[in-house]
Amino acid sequence: MRLSALGEKEIVNLTDGGRFGQLADAELLVDEKFGKIKAILLPDYRYQKGFFSGRNYLQIQWSSIKKIGSDIIIFEDEEHLD
């Protein structure tokens, strides 16, 4: 599967069904030594007060991803409950 095909997939927490946006809005944290994805960094707009305030990220460990389906990425992590 190409990275471009992953971009439109919605990211959802299996624990509570919370939606975290699309992978296209995220950054990937990569282990440069081994070339493996360590985490997904998603913009967290919940706590920003203004347009120019700093950008906060939610970090979802790649190991917590349970399934990548045709239109959704499901992860399980109680730390990131909506």
C-alpha atoms as a PDB file:
ATOM      1  CA  MET A   1       0.000   0.000   0.000  1.00  0.00           C
ATOM      2  CA  ARG A   2       1.292   3.434  -0.925  1.00  0.00           C
ATOM      3  CA  LEU A   3       1.535   6.252   1.606  1.00  0.00           C
ATOM      4  CA  SER A   4      -0.746   8.386  -0.595  1.00  0.00           C
ATOM      5  CA  ALA A   5      -3.500   5.766  -0.181  1.00  0.00           C
ATOM      6  CA  LEU A   6      -3.152   5.984   3.595  1.00  0.00           C
ATOM      7  CA  GLY A   7      -3.593   9.767   3.677  1.00  0.00           C
ATOM      8  CA  GLU A   8      -7.384   9.819   3.398  1.00  0.00           C
ATOM      9  CA  LYS A   9      -7.953   7.219   6.102  1.00  0.00           C
ATOM     10  CA  GLU A  10      -9.746   8.354   9.271  1.00  0.00           C
ATOM     11  CA  ILE A  11      -7.929   7.602  12.552  1.00  0.00           C
ATOM     12  CA  VAL A  12     -10.220   6.187  15.258  1.00  0.00           C
ATOM     13  CA  ASN A  13      -9.605   5.054  18.842  1.00  0.00           C
ATOM     14  CA  LEU A  14     -11.032   1.568  19.414  1.00  0.00           C
ATOM     15  CA  THR A  15     -11.428   2.232  23.154  1.00  0.00           C
ATOM     16  CA  ASP A  16     -14.098   4.950  22.844  1.00  0.00           C
ATOM     17  CA  GLY A  17     -14.709   5.472  19.122  1.00  0.00           C
ATOM     18  CA  GLY A  18     -13.075   8.912  19.227  1.00  0.00           C
ATOM     19  CA  ARG A  19     -12.117  10.336  15.838  1.00  0.00           C
ATOM     20  CA  PHE A  20      -8.708  11.947  15.477  1.00  0.00           C
ATOM     21  CA  GLY A  21      -8.753  13.225  11.894  1.00  0.00           C
ATOM     22  CA  GLN A  22      -7.064  11.886   8.807  1.00  0.00           C
ATOM     23  CA  LEU A  23      -3.569  10.577   8.391  1.00  0.00           C
ATOM     24  CA  ALA A  24      -2.946  13.298   5.769  1.00  0.00           C
ATOM     25  CA  ASP A  25      -3.032  15.847   8.631  1.00  0.00           C
ATOM     26  CA  ALA A  26      -0.445  13.923  10.648  1.00  0.00           C
ATOM     27  CA  GLU A  27       3.319  13.706  10.860  1.00  0.00           C
ATOM     28  CA  LEU A  28       5.157  10.406  11.154  1.00  0.00           C
ATOM     29  CA  LEU A  29       7.890   9.910  13.728  1.00  0.00           C
ATOM     30  CA  VAL A  30      10.448   7.584  12.103  1.00  0.00           C
ATOM     31  CA  ASP A  31      13.379   5.748  13.652  1.00  0.00           C
ATOM     32  CA  GLU A  32      16.091   6.929  11.255  1.00  0.00           C
ATOM     33  CA  LYS A  33      18.481   4.129  12.144  1.00  0.00           C
ATOM     34  CA  PHE A  34      16.070   1.324  11.274  1.00  0.00           C
ATOM     35  CA  GLY A  35      13.652   3.154   8.951  1.00  0.00           C
ATOM     36  CA  LYS A  36      10.576   2.099  10.942  1.00  0.00           C
ATOM     37  CA  ILE A  37       7.598   4.232  11.935  1.00  0.00           C
ATOM     38  CA  LYS A  38       7.597   4.805  15.704  1.00  0.00           C
ATOM     39  CA  ALA A  39       4.513   7.004  16.106  1.00  0.00           C
ATOM     40  CA  ILE A  40       1.899   9.149  14.421  1.00  0.00           C
ATOM     41  CA  LEU A  41       1.804  12.794  15.494  1.00  0.00           C
ATOM     42  CA  LEU A  42      -1.678  14.263  15.050  1.00  0.00           C
ATOM     43  CA  PRO A  43      -2.493  17.958  15.433  1.00  0.00           C
ATOM     44  CA  ASP A  44      -4.459  18.533  18.638  1.00  0.00           C
ATOM     45  CA  TYR A  45      -6.779  21.462  18.007  1.00  0.00           C
ATOM     46  CA  ARG A  46      -8.821  20.949  21.187  1.00  0.00           C
ATOM     47  CA  TYR A  47      -6.711  23.198  23.404  1.00  0.00           C
ATOM     48  CA  GLN A  48      -5.560  25.939  21.041  1.00  0.00           C
ATOM     49  CA  LYS A  49      -6.929  29.352  21.899  1.00  0.00           C
ATOM     50  CA  GLY A  50      -5.978  31.364  18.849  1.00  0.00           C
ATOM     51  CA  PHE A  51      -4.940  30.979  15.258  1.00  0.00           C
ATOM     52  CA  PHE A  52      -1.299  31.753  15.973  1.00  0.00           C
ATOM     53  CA  SER A  53      -0.940  29.719  19.148  1.00  0.00           C
ATOM     54  CA  GLY A  54       1.623  26.916  19.157  1.00  0.00           C
ATOM     55  CA  ARG A  55       0.716  23.635  17.556  1.00  0.00           C
ATOM     56  CA  ASN A  56       0.167  20.784  19.990  1.00  0.00           C
ATOM     57  CA  TYR A  57       0.364  17.153  18.923  1.00  0.00           C
ATOM     58  CA  LEU A  58      -1.092  13.890  20.110  1.00  0.00           C
ATOM     59  CA  GLN A  59       1.419  11.082  19.796  1.00  0.00           C
ATOM     60  CA  ILE A  60      -0.004   7.671  18.937  1.00  0.00           C
ATOM     61  CA  GLN A  61       2.504   4.843  19.131  1.00  0.00           C
ATOM     62  CA  TRP A  62       2.675   2.713  15.993  1.00  0.00           C
ATOM     63  CA  SER A  63       2.519  -0.378  18.212  1.00  0.00           C
ATOM     64  CA  SER A  64      -1.000   0.652  19.349  1.00  0.00           C
ATOM     65  CA  ILE A  65      -2.378   0.442  15.768  1.00  0.00           C
ATOM     66  CA  LYS A  66      -4.675  -2.573  15.603  1.00  0.00           C
ATOM     67  CA  LYS A  67      -6.003  -2.478  12.029  1.00  0.00           C
ATOM     68  CA  ILE A  68      -5.596  -0.532   8.806  1.00  0.00           C
ATOM     69  CA  GLY A  69      -8.774  -0.998   6.795  1.00  0.00           C
ATOM     70  CA  SER A  70      -9.965   0.305   3.440  1.00  0.00           C
ATOM     71  CA  ASP A  71     -11.021   3.702   4.869  1.00  0.00           C
ATOM     72  CA  ILE A  72     -10.031   3.704   8.547  1.00  0.00           C
ATOM     73  CA  ILE A  73      -7.039   3.232  10.854  1.00  0.00           C
ATOM     74  CA  ILE A  74      -7.958   1.810  14.251  1.00  0.00           C
ATOM     75  CA  PHE A  75      -5.716   2.155  17.288  1.00  0.00           C
ATOM     76  CA  GLU A  76      -6.272   1.200  20.911  1.00  0.00           C
ATOM     77  CA  ASP A  77      -4.986   3.564  23.562  1.00  0.00           C
ATOM     78  CA  GLU A  78      -6.776   4.636  26.735  1.00  0.00           C
ATOM     79  CA  GLU A  79      -4.442   7.648  27.117  1.00  0.00           C
ATOM     80  CA  HIS A  80      -6.044   9.411  24.122  1.00  0.00           C
ATOM     81  CA  LEU A  81      -9.712   9.281  25.052  1.00  0.00           C
ATOM     82  CA  ASP A  82     -11.874  12.059  23.540  1.00  0.00           C
END
